[in-house]
Amino acid sequence: MDASRPSGLRFAGFVLAVAGAALIGYGAVQTWVTVGIRSVQTDSDTEIVGIDLADGTVALACALVLLIAVLATRVIRARGLRMTLGGIAIAAAAIAVASAGAFLQNGIERAIVVGAIGIPRNQWEELEVFREYGLGPYLVLAGGVLGFFAGVLTLAWAHRLQPAPAPGDPRG
């Protein structure tokens, strides 16, 4: 493992990766949507957390991939592999953003959300049924943006490194 002091790019990439993965992971286990009936003043509202949805599970997996990819650059010595890991971090963050964004675009119409209400649609207006987004997908979006920049910084750092000399090369 490389114990040298990290460069500014690598350190910034690491900090953003940790923060981004933490936000994505935390957002994945938070409420993504709450459904209930406004006319009933009870605690009968149903909260659906991210990991109960395919989108949230994908986001959680992306958080792990992002974190592992950036941490692996600390152990891997090959410049090309470090650059590949930076690209993987960028892709994981982009997938997390796309997952949360897709949910925010039409998530309240998903079968799991509609099914959680348990009331036929023709009675929704009369009973004042509501479906509201929670904080979870917004945290995943924010974490994904941080993770994207972490991947970009990691990729830039790996690109700036000099390629390792080949085995048997007199320079190394």
N, C-alpha and C. Protein backbone atom coordinates (compact mmCIF):
# COMPACT_ATOMS: atom_id res chain seq x y z
N MET A 1 0.84 -1.19 0.00
CA MET A 1 0.00 0.00 0.00
C MET A 1 0.88 1.24 0.00
N ASP A 2 0.48 2.20 -0.80
CA ASP A 2 1.23 3.44 -0.93
C ASP A 2 0.99 4.31 0.30
N ALA A 3 2.07 4.54 1.09
CA ALA A 3 1.95 5.32 2.32
C ALA A 3 2.43 6.75 2.14
N SER A 4 2.72 7.14 0.91
CA SER A 4 3.19 8.51 0.68
C SER A 4 2.06 9.51 0.91
N ARG A 5 2.48 10.74 1.16
CA ARG A 5 1.49 11.80 1.36
C ARG A 5 0.71 12.01 0.06
N PRO A 6 -0.63 12.04 0.12
CA PRO A 6 -1.41 12.17 -1.11
C PRO A 6 -1.28 13.57 -1.71
N SER A 7 -1.36 13.62 -3.04
CA SER A 7 -1.37 14.91 -3.70
C SER A 7 -2.70 15.58 -3.43
N GLY A 8 -2.78 16.86 -3.76
CA GLY A 8 -4.03 17.61 -3.56
C GLY A 8 -5.19 17.00 -4.34
N LEU A 9 -4.92 16.58 -5.59
CA LEU A 9 -5.98 15.97 -6.41
C LEU A 9 -6.48 14.68 -5.79
N ARG A 10 -5.54 13.84 -5.36
CA ARG A 10 -5.94 12.55 -4.79
C ARG A 10 -6.68 12.74 -3.47
N PHE A 11 -6.20 13.67 -2.66
CA PHE A 11 -6.87 13.92 -1.38
C PHE A 11 -8.27 14.46 -1.59
N ALA A 12 -8.41 15.44 -2.49
CA ALA A 12 -9.73 16.02 -2.77
C ALA A 12 -10.66 14.95 -3.35
N GLY A 13 -10.16 14.11 -4.24
CA GLY A 13 -10.96 13.04 -4.81
C GLY A 13 -11.41 12.06 -3.73
N PHE A 14 -10.51 11.75 -2.80
CA PHE A 14 -10.86 10.83 -1.72
C PHE A 14 -11.94 11.43 -0.82
N VAL A 15 -11.77 12.68 -0.43
CA VAL A 15 -12.75 13.33 0.45
C VAL A 15 -14.11 13.40 -0.23
N LEU A 16 -14.13 13.78 -1.50
CA LEU A 16 -15.41 13.85 -2.22
C LEU A 16 -16.03 12.47 -2.38
N ALA A 17 -15.19 11.45 -2.60
CA ALA A 17 -15.72 10.09 -2.74
C ALA A 17 -16.35 9.61 -1.44
N VAL A 18 -15.69 9.86 -0.33
CA VAL A 18 -16.24 9.44 0.96
C VAL A 18 -17.54 10.18 1.24
N ALA A 19 -17.53 11.50 1.02
CA ALA A 19 -18.75 12.28 1.26
C ALA A 19 -19.87 11.86 0.31
N GLY A 20 -19.54 11.67 -0.96
CA GLY A 20 -20.55 11.27 -1.94
C GLY A 20 -21.12 9.89 -1.64
N ALA A 21 -20.25 8.94 -1.34
CA ALA A 21 -20.71 7.58 -1.04
C ALA A 21 -21.55 7.57 0.24
N ALA A 22 -21.15 8.38 1.21
CA ALA A 22 -21.92 8.45 2.46
C ALA A 22 -23.32 9.03 2.20
N LEU A 23 -23.39 10.08 1.41
CA LEU A 23 -24.71 10.67 1.09
C LEU A 23 -25.57 9.70 0.29
N ILE A 24 -24.97 9.03 -0.68
CA ILE A 24 -25.73 8.08 -1.49
C ILE A 24 -26.24 6.94 -0.60
N GLY A 25 -25.33 6.39 0.21
CA GLY A 25 -25.71 5.28 1.08
C GLY A 25 -26.76 5.67 2.10
N TYR A 26 -26.59 6.84 2.71
CA TYR A 26 -27.57 7.31 3.69
C TYR A 26 -28.91 7.58 3.01
N GLY A 27 -28.86 8.20 1.83
CA GLY A 27 -30.10 8.48 1.09
C GLY A 27 -30.82 7.20 0.69
N ALA A 28 -30.06 6.14 0.41
CA ALA A 28 -30.67 4.87 -0.01
C ALA A 28 -31.48 4.21 1.10
N VAL A 29 -31.17 4.52 2.34
CA VAL A 29 -31.90 3.90 3.46
C VAL A 29 -32.89 4.87 4.11
N GLN A 30 -33.06 6.03 3.52
CA GLN A 30 -34.02 7.01 4.01
C GLN A 30 -35.34 6.89 3.24
N THR A 31 -36.33 7.63 3.68
CA THR A 31 -37.65 7.63 3.03
C THR A 31 -37.56 8.25 1.64
N TRP A 32 -38.07 7.52 0.66
CA TRP A 32 -38.11 8.04 -0.71
C TRP A 32 -39.50 8.56 -1.05
N VAL A 33 -40.52 7.99 -0.44
CA VAL A 33 -41.88 8.46 -0.68
C VAL A 33 -42.74 8.08 0.51
N THR A 34 -43.66 8.98 0.84
CA THR A 34 -44.64 8.72 1.89
C THR A 34 -46.02 8.78 1.27
N VAL A 35 -46.85 7.79 1.61
CA VAL A 35 -48.22 7.76 1.11
C VAL A 35 -49.17 7.70 2.30
N GLY A 36 -50.34 8.26 2.13
CA GLY A 36 -51.31 8.24 3.21
C GLY A 36 -52.61 8.93 2.82
N ILE A 37 -53.44 9.15 3.82
CA ILE A 37 -54.75 9.78 3.63
C ILE A 37 -54.79 11.01 4.52
N ARG A 38 -54.97 12.17 3.90
CA ARG A 38 -54.97 13.44 4.66
C ARG A 38 -56.16 13.54 5.60
N SER A 39 -57.30 12.99 5.21
CA SER A 39 -58.51 13.14 6.02
C SER A 39 -58.47 12.30 7.30
N VAL A 40 -57.53 11.39 7.38
CA VAL A 40 -57.39 10.55 8.57
C VAL A 40 -56.21 11.06 9.38
N GLN A 41 -56.46 11.53 10.60
CA GLN A 41 -55.41 12.10 11.43
C GLN A 41 -54.77 11.05 12.33
N THR A 42 -54.26 10.01 11.71
CA THR A 42 -53.58 8.96 12.48
C THR A 42 -52.17 8.80 11.94
N ASP A 43 -51.44 7.92 12.55
CA ASP A 43 -50.09 7.63 12.07
C ASP A 43 -50.13 6.48 11.07
N SER A 44 -51.10 6.49 10.19
CA SER A 44 -51.26 5.41 9.23
C SER A 44 -50.48 5.65 7.94
N ASP A 45 -49.72 6.74 7.86
CA ASP A 45 -48.93 7.01 6.67
C ASP A 45 -47.89 5.90 6.49
N THR A 46 -47.64 5.56 5.25
CA THR A 46 -46.66 4.53 4.93
C THR A 46 -45.44 5.19 4.31
N GLU A 47 -44.29 4.92 4.90
CA GLU A 47 -43.03 5.44 4.35
C GLU A 47 -42.34 4.30 3.62
N ILE A 48 -41.91 4.59 2.39
CA ILE A 48 -41.18 3.60 1.59
C ILE A 48 -39.74 4.08 1.50
N VAL A 49 -38.83 3.28 2.03
CA VAL A 49 -37.41 3.65 2.02
C VAL A 49 -36.77 3.18 0.72
N GLY A 50 -35.65 3.78 0.40
CA GLY A 50 -34.98 3.52 -0.86
C GLY A 50 -34.66 2.07 -1.13
N ILE A 51 -34.19 1.35 -0.12
CA ILE A 51 -33.79 -0.04 -0.36
C ILE A 51 -34.99 -0.97 -0.56
N ASP A 52 -36.19 -0.46 -0.37
CA ASP A 52 -37.39 -1.24 -0.71
C ASP A 52 -37.72 -1.10 -2.19
N LEU A 53 -37.00 -0.25 -2.87
CA LEU A 53 -37.23 0.02 -4.28
C LEU A 53 -35.99 -0.38 -5.08
N ALA A 54 -36.18 -0.73 -6.32
CA ALA A 54 -35.04 -1.07 -7.17
C ALA A 54 -34.08 0.12 -7.29
N ASP A 55 -34.62 1.32 -7.38
CA ASP A 55 -33.80 2.52 -7.52
C ASP A 55 -32.88 2.71 -6.32
N GLY A 56 -33.40 2.51 -5.14
CA GLY A 56 -32.61 2.68 -3.93
C GLY A 56 -31.56 1.60 -3.77
N THR A 57 -31.88 0.39 -4.18
CA THR A 57 -30.91 -0.70 -4.13
C THR A 57 -29.77 -0.43 -5.10
N VAL A 58 -30.09 0.06 -6.28
CA VAL A 58 -29.06 0.43 -7.26
C VAL A 58 -28.19 1.55 -6.69
N ALA A 59 -28.80 2.53 -6.06
CA ALA A 59 -28.04 3.64 -5.47
C ALA A 59 -27.08 3.14 -4.40
N LEU A 60 -27.55 2.24 -3.55
CA LEU A 60 -26.69 1.69 -2.50
C LEU A 60 -25.51 0.93 -3.10
N ALA A 61 -25.76 0.15 -4.13
CA ALA A 61 -24.68 -0.57 -4.80
C ALA A 61 -23.68 0.42 -5.42
N CYS A 62 -24.19 1.50 -5.98
CA CYS A 62 -23.32 2.52 -6.57
C CYS A 62 -22.44 3.18 -5.52
N ALA A 63 -22.98 3.40 -4.34
CA ALA A 63 -22.19 3.99 -3.25
C ALA A 63 -21.01 3.07 -2.91
N LEU A 64 -21.27 1.78 -2.84
CA LEU A 64 -20.20 0.83 -2.54
C LEU A 64 -19.15 0.79 -3.65
N VAL A 65 -19.60 0.76 -4.90
CA VAL A 65 -18.67 0.72 -6.03
C VAL A 65 -17.82 1.99 -6.05
N LEU A 66 -18.45 3.13 -5.85
CA LEU A 66 -17.73 4.41 -5.83
C LEU A 66 -16.63 4.40 -4.77
N LEU A 67 -16.98 4.02 -3.58
CA LEU A 67 -16.03 4.02 -2.48
C LEU A 67 -14.90 3.02 -2.72
N ILE A 68 -15.24 1.83 -3.14
CA ILE A 68 -14.21 0.81 -3.39
C ILE A 68 -13.29 1.22 -4.53
N ALA A 69 -13.84 1.80 -5.59
CA ALA A 69 -13.02 2.21 -6.73
C ALA A 69 -11.99 3.26 -6.33
N VAL A 70 -12.42 4.26 -5.57
CA VAL A 70 -11.49 5.32 -5.17
C VAL A 70 -10.48 4.79 -4.16
N LEU A 71 -10.92 3.96 -3.23
CA LEU A 71 -9.98 3.38 -2.26
C LEU A 71 -8.98 2.45 -2.94
N ALA A 72 -9.41 1.73 -3.96
CA ALA A 72 -8.52 0.80 -4.66
C ALA A 72 -7.38 1.53 -5.36
N THR A 73 -7.59 2.78 -5.75
CA THR A 73 -6.51 3.52 -6.40
C THR A 73 -5.33 3.72 -5.46
N ARG A 74 -5.57 3.62 -4.18
CA ARG A 74 -4.49 3.76 -3.19
C ARG A 74 -3.61 2.51 -3.17
N VAL A 75 -4.18 1.38 -3.52
CA VAL A 75 -3.47 0.11 -3.47
C VAL A 75 -2.87 -0.26 -4.83
N ILE A 76 -3.59 0.06 -5.88
CA ILE A 76 -3.16 -0.30 -7.24
C ILE A 76 -2.02 0.62 -7.68
N ARG A 77 -1.01 0.05 -8.30
CA ARG A 77 0.14 0.85 -8.74
C ARG A 77 0.09 1.21 -10.22
N ALA A 78 -0.62 0.43 -11.02
CA ALA A 78 -0.64 0.64 -12.46
C ALA A 78 -1.47 1.87 -12.82
N ARG A 79 -0.87 2.78 -13.56
CA ARG A 79 -1.53 4.03 -13.94
C ARG A 79 -2.82 3.77 -14.71
N GLY A 80 -2.77 2.87 -15.68
CA GLY A 80 -3.95 2.56 -16.49
C GLY A 80 -5.10 2.02 -15.66
N LEU A 81 -4.78 1.17 -14.70
CA LEU A 81 -5.83 0.61 -13.84
C LEU A 81 -6.39 1.69 -12.92
N ARG A 82 -5.54 2.58 -12.45
CA ARG A 82 -6.03 3.70 -11.64
C ARG A 82 -6.98 4.57 -12.45
N MET A 83 -6.63 4.81 -13.71
CA MET A 83 -7.51 5.61 -14.56
C MET A 83 -8.83 4.88 -14.80
N THR A 84 -8.76 3.57 -14.98
CA THR A 84 -9.98 2.79 -15.15
C THR A 84 -10.86 2.87 -13.91
N LEU A 85 -10.26 2.79 -12.73
CA LEU A 85 -11.02 2.90 -11.48
C LEU A 85 -11.65 4.28 -11.34
N GLY A 86 -10.96 5.33 -11.78
CA GLY A 86 -11.55 6.67 -11.79
C GLY A 86 -12.77 6.72 -12.69
N GLY A 87 -12.69 6.06 -13.85
CA GLY A 87 -13.83 5.98 -14.76
C GLY A 87 -14.99 5.19 -14.15
N ILE A 88 -14.65 4.13 -13.43
CA ILE A 88 -15.69 3.34 -12.76
C ILE A 88 -16.39 4.18 -11.70
N ALA A 89 -15.63 4.98 -10.97
CA ALA A 89 -16.22 5.86 -9.95
C ALA A 89 -17.17 6.86 -10.60
N ILE A 90 -16.76 7.42 -11.73
CA ILE A 90 -17.62 8.37 -12.45
C ILE A 90 -18.90 7.67 -12.89
N ALA A 91 -18.77 6.46 -13.44
CA ALA A 91 -19.96 5.72 -13.91
C ALA A 91 -20.89 5.38 -12.75
N ALA A 92 -20.33 4.95 -11.62
CA ALA A 92 -21.18 4.60 -10.46
C ALA A 92 -21.95 5.82 -9.98
N ALA A 93 -21.28 6.96 -9.91
CA ALA A 93 -21.95 8.19 -9.47
C ALA A 93 -23.04 8.60 -10.46
N ALA A 94 -22.75 8.48 -11.75
CA ALA A 94 -23.74 8.84 -12.77
C ALA A 94 -24.96 7.92 -12.70
N ILE A 95 -24.73 6.64 -12.45
CA ILE A 95 -25.84 5.69 -12.33
C ILE A 95 -26.69 6.03 -11.10
N ALA A 96 -26.05 6.39 -10.00
CA ALA A 96 -26.80 6.78 -8.79
C ALA A 96 -27.66 8.01 -9.06
N VAL A 97 -27.10 8.99 -9.75
CA VAL A 97 -27.86 10.20 -10.10
C VAL A 97 -29.03 9.84 -11.01
N ALA A 98 -28.77 9.00 -12.01
CA ALA A 98 -29.84 8.60 -12.94
C ALA A 98 -30.94 7.82 -12.21
N SER A 99 -30.55 6.98 -11.28
CA SER A 99 -31.53 6.19 -10.54
C SER A 99 -32.45 7.09 -9.70
N ALA A 100 -31.84 8.00 -8.94
CA ALA A 100 -32.65 8.91 -8.12
C ALA A 100 -33.46 9.86 -9.00
N GLY A 101 -32.86 10.33 -10.08
CA GLY A 101 -33.57 11.23 -10.98
C GLY A 101 -34.76 10.56 -11.63
N ALA A 102 -34.59 9.32 -12.05
CA ALA A 102 -35.71 8.58 -12.65
C ALA A 102 -36.83 8.38 -11.64
N PHE A 103 -36.45 8.11 -10.40
CA PHE A 103 -37.49 7.94 -9.38
C PHE A 103 -38.23 9.25 -9.14
N LEU A 104 -37.51 10.34 -9.07
CA LEU A 104 -38.15 11.64 -8.84
C LEU A 104 -39.04 12.05 -10.01
N GLN A 105 -38.74 11.55 -11.17
CA GLN A 105 -39.54 11.91 -12.33
C GLN A 105 -40.90 11.21 -12.33
N ASN A 106 -40.94 9.94 -11.91
CA ASN A 106 -42.23 9.24 -11.96
C ASN A 106 -42.39 8.20 -10.85
N GLY A 107 -41.66 8.32 -9.79
CA GLY A 107 -41.68 7.33 -8.72
C GLY A 107 -43.00 7.19 -7.99
N ILE A 108 -43.76 8.26 -7.90
CA ILE A 108 -45.03 8.15 -7.18
C ILE A 108 -46.07 7.36 -7.96
N GLU A 109 -45.77 7.03 -9.20
CA GLU A 109 -46.67 6.21 -10.02
C GLU A 109 -46.25 4.75 -10.04
N ARG A 110 -45.17 4.40 -9.38
CA ARG A 110 -44.71 3.01 -9.38
C ARG A 110 -45.71 2.13 -8.66
N ALA A 111 -45.77 0.88 -9.08
CA ALA A 111 -46.74 -0.07 -8.53
C ALA A 111 -46.59 -0.23 -7.02
N ILE A 112 -45.36 -0.24 -6.52
CA ILE A 112 -45.16 -0.42 -5.08
C ILE A 112 -45.73 0.75 -4.29
N VAL A 113 -45.65 1.94 -4.85
CA VAL A 113 -46.18 3.13 -4.18
C VAL A 113 -47.70 3.13 -4.22
N VAL A 114 -48.26 2.88 -5.38
CA VAL A 114 -49.71 2.85 -5.53
C VAL A 114 -50.29 1.72 -4.68
N GLY A 115 -49.62 0.57 -4.66
CA GLY A 115 -50.08 -0.56 -3.87
C GLY A 115 -50.02 -0.31 -2.38
N ALA A 116 -49.10 0.52 -1.93
CA ALA A 116 -48.97 0.82 -0.50
C ALA A 116 -50.17 1.60 0.03
N ILE A 117 -50.86 2.30 -0.86
CA ILE A 117 -52.04 3.06 -0.43
C ILE A 117 -53.18 2.12 -0.09
N GLY A 118 -53.37 1.08 -0.90
CA GLY A 118 -54.39 0.08 -0.62
C GLY A 118 -55.81 0.55 -0.84
N ILE A 119 -55.98 1.59 -1.61
CA ILE A 119 -57.32 2.15 -1.87
C ILE A 119 -57.48 2.28 -3.38
N PRO A 120 -58.62 1.91 -3.94
CA PRO A 120 -58.83 2.07 -5.39
C PRO A 120 -58.67 3.53 -5.80
N ARG A 121 -58.09 3.73 -6.99
CA ARG A 121 -57.83 5.09 -7.48
C ARG A 121 -59.07 5.97 -7.55
N ASN A 122 -60.21 5.39 -7.84
CA ASN A 122 -61.42 6.22 -7.98
C ASN A 122 -61.86 6.81 -6.64
N GLN A 123 -61.27 6.38 -5.54
CA GLN A 123 -61.60 6.94 -4.22
C GLN A 123 -60.51 7.86 -3.68
N TRP A 124 -59.42 8.02 -4.41
CA TRP A 124 -58.28 8.81 -3.91
C TRP A 124 -58.66 10.25 -3.61
N GLU A 125 -59.35 10.90 -4.53
CA GLU A 125 -59.68 12.31 -4.36
C GLU A 125 -60.63 12.50 -3.18
N GLU A 126 -61.60 11.64 -3.09
CA GLU A 126 -62.59 11.72 -2.01
C GLU A 126 -61.92 11.55 -0.64
N LEU A 127 -60.97 10.65 -0.54
CA LEU A 127 -60.30 10.37 0.73
C LEU A 127 -59.04 11.22 0.96
N GLU A 128 -58.72 12.06 -0.01
CA GLU A 128 -57.54 12.93 0.06
C GLU A 128 -56.25 12.13 0.23
N VAL A 129 -56.06 11.19 -0.66
CA VAL A 129 -54.84 10.39 -0.67
C VAL A 129 -53.68 11.27 -1.13
N PHE A 130 -52.54 11.12 -0.48
CA PHE A 130 -51.36 11.89 -0.90
C PHE A 130 -50.17 10.96 -1.09
N ARG A 131 -49.27 11.40 -1.93
CA ARG A 131 -47.99 10.74 -2.17
C ARG A 131 -46.95 11.84 -2.24
N GLU A 132 -46.00 11.81 -1.32
CA GLU A 132 -44.99 12.87 -1.26
C GLU A 132 -43.60 12.26 -1.24
N TYR A 133 -42.72 12.90 -1.98
CA TYR A 133 -41.33 12.45 -1.99
C TYR A 133 -40.66 12.75 -0.66
N GLY A 134 -39.79 11.85 -0.25
CA GLY A 134 -39.01 12.05 0.97
C GLY A 134 -37.64 12.62 0.63
N LEU A 135 -36.78 12.65 1.61
CA LEU A 135 -35.45 13.23 1.47
C LEU A 135 -34.47 12.30 0.75
N GLY A 136 -34.70 10.99 0.79
CA GLY A 136 -33.77 10.00 0.27
C GLY A 136 -33.26 10.23 -1.14
N PRO A 137 -34.14 10.37 -2.14
CA PRO A 137 -33.63 10.53 -3.50
C PRO A 137 -32.84 11.82 -3.69
N TYR A 138 -33.16 12.85 -2.94
CA TYR A 138 -32.42 14.11 -3.04
C TYR A 138 -31.00 13.95 -2.47
N LEU A 139 -30.88 13.18 -1.39
CA LEU A 139 -29.55 12.90 -0.84
C LEU A 139 -28.72 12.09 -1.82
N VAL A 140 -29.36 11.14 -2.48
CA VAL A 140 -28.65 10.34 -3.49
C VAL A 140 -28.18 11.23 -4.63
N LEU A 141 -29.02 12.14 -5.07
CA LEU A 141 -28.62 13.08 -6.14
C LEU A 141 -27.40 13.89 -5.72
N ALA A 142 -27.45 14.45 -4.52
CA ALA A 142 -26.33 15.26 -4.03
C ALA A 142 -25.06 14.42 -3.91
N GLY A 143 -25.20 13.22 -3.35
CA GLY A 143 -24.04 12.35 -3.22
C GLY A 143 -23.50 11.92 -4.57
N GLY A 144 -24.38 11.69 -5.52
CA GLY A 144 -23.94 11.33 -6.86
C GLY A 144 -23.14 12.42 -7.53
N VAL A 145 -23.54 13.66 -7.33
CA VAL A 145 -22.79 14.79 -7.90
C VAL A 145 -21.40 14.86 -7.26
N LEU A 146 -21.34 14.73 -5.93
CA LEU A 146 -20.03 14.72 -5.26
C LEU A 146 -19.18 13.55 -5.75
N GLY A 147 -19.81 12.38 -5.88
CA GLY A 147 -19.09 11.21 -6.35
C GLY A 147 -18.58 11.36 -7.78
N PHE A 148 -19.36 12.02 -8.61
CA PHE A 148 -18.94 12.27 -9.99
C PHE A 148 -17.65 13.10 -10.00
N PHE A 149 -17.64 14.18 -9.21
CA PHE A 149 -16.44 15.01 -9.15
C PHE A 149 -15.28 14.27 -8.50
N ALA A 150 -15.57 13.38 -7.56
CA ALA A 150 -14.51 12.55 -6.97
C ALA A 150 -13.87 11.69 -8.04
N GLY A 151 -14.70 11.09 -8.88
CA GLY A 151 -14.16 10.27 -9.97
C GLY A 151 -13.35 11.08 -10.96
N VAL A 152 -13.82 12.28 -11.27
CA VAL A 152 -13.08 13.15 -12.19
C VAL A 152 -11.72 13.51 -11.59
N LEU A 153 -11.69 13.88 -10.31
CA LEU A 153 -10.42 14.22 -9.67
C LEU A 153 -9.49 13.01 -9.58
N THR A 154 -10.04 11.85 -9.30
CA THR A 154 -9.24 10.63 -9.24
C THR A 154 -8.67 10.31 -10.62
N LEU A 155 -9.48 10.44 -11.64
CA LEU A 155 -9.03 10.21 -13.00
C LEU A 155 -7.94 11.22 -13.39
N ALA A 156 -8.13 12.48 -13.04
CA ALA A 156 -7.12 13.51 -13.34
C ALA A 156 -5.81 13.21 -12.62
N TRP A 157 -5.90 12.79 -11.36
CA TRP A 157 -4.70 12.45 -10.60
C TRP A 157 -3.97 11.28 -11.25
N ALA A 158 -4.71 10.24 -11.60
CA ALA A 158 -4.09 9.07 -12.22
C ALA A 158 -3.48 9.42 -13.57
N HIS A 159 -4.12 10.30 -14.30
CA HIS A 159 -3.60 10.70 -15.61
C HIS A 159 -2.29 11.47 -15.48
N ARG A 160 -2.15 12.25 -14.42
CA ARG A 160 -0.94 13.06 -14.21
C ARG A 160 0.25 12.23 -13.78
N LEU A 161 0.01 11.05 -13.25
CA LEU A 161 1.11 10.21 -12.79
C LEU A 161 1.96 9.74 -13.97
N GLN A 162 3.24 9.57 -13.71
CA GLN A 162 4.12 9.01 -14.72
C GLN A 162 3.87 7.51 -14.78
N PRO A 163 3.84 6.94 -15.96
CA PRO A 163 3.65 5.49 -16.04
C PRO A 163 4.79 4.76 -15.32
N ALA A 164 4.45 3.67 -14.67
CA ALA A 164 5.45 2.88 -13.96
C ALA A 164 6.38 2.24 -14.99
N PRO A 165 7.69 2.16 -14.68
CA PRO A 165 8.61 1.52 -15.63
C PRO A 165 8.29 0.03 -15.76
N ALA A 166 8.50 -0.49 -16.92
CA ALA A 166 8.26 -1.91 -17.18
C ALA A 166 9.25 -2.75 -16.42
N PRO A 167 8.88 -3.98 -16.08
CA PRO A 167 9.83 -4.86 -15.38
C PRO A 167 11.09 -5.02 -16.25
N GLY A 168 12.24 -4.92 -15.60
CA GLY A 168 13.52 -5.05 -16.31
C GLY A 168 14.02 -3.75 -16.92
N ASP A 169 13.21 -2.70 -16.84
CA ASP A 169 13.62 -1.39 -17.37
C ASP A 169 14.72 -0.83 -16.48
N PRO A 170 15.81 -0.36 -17.03
CA PRO A 170 16.91 0.16 -16.20
C PRO A 170 16.54 1.42 -15.41
N ARG A 171 15.44 2.08 -15.77
CA ARG A 171 15.05 3.30 -15.03
C ARG A 171 14.34 2.97 -13.73
N GLY A 172 13.97 1.74 -13.52
CA GLY A 172 13.18 1.53 -12.33
C GLY A 172 13.39 0.26 -11.66
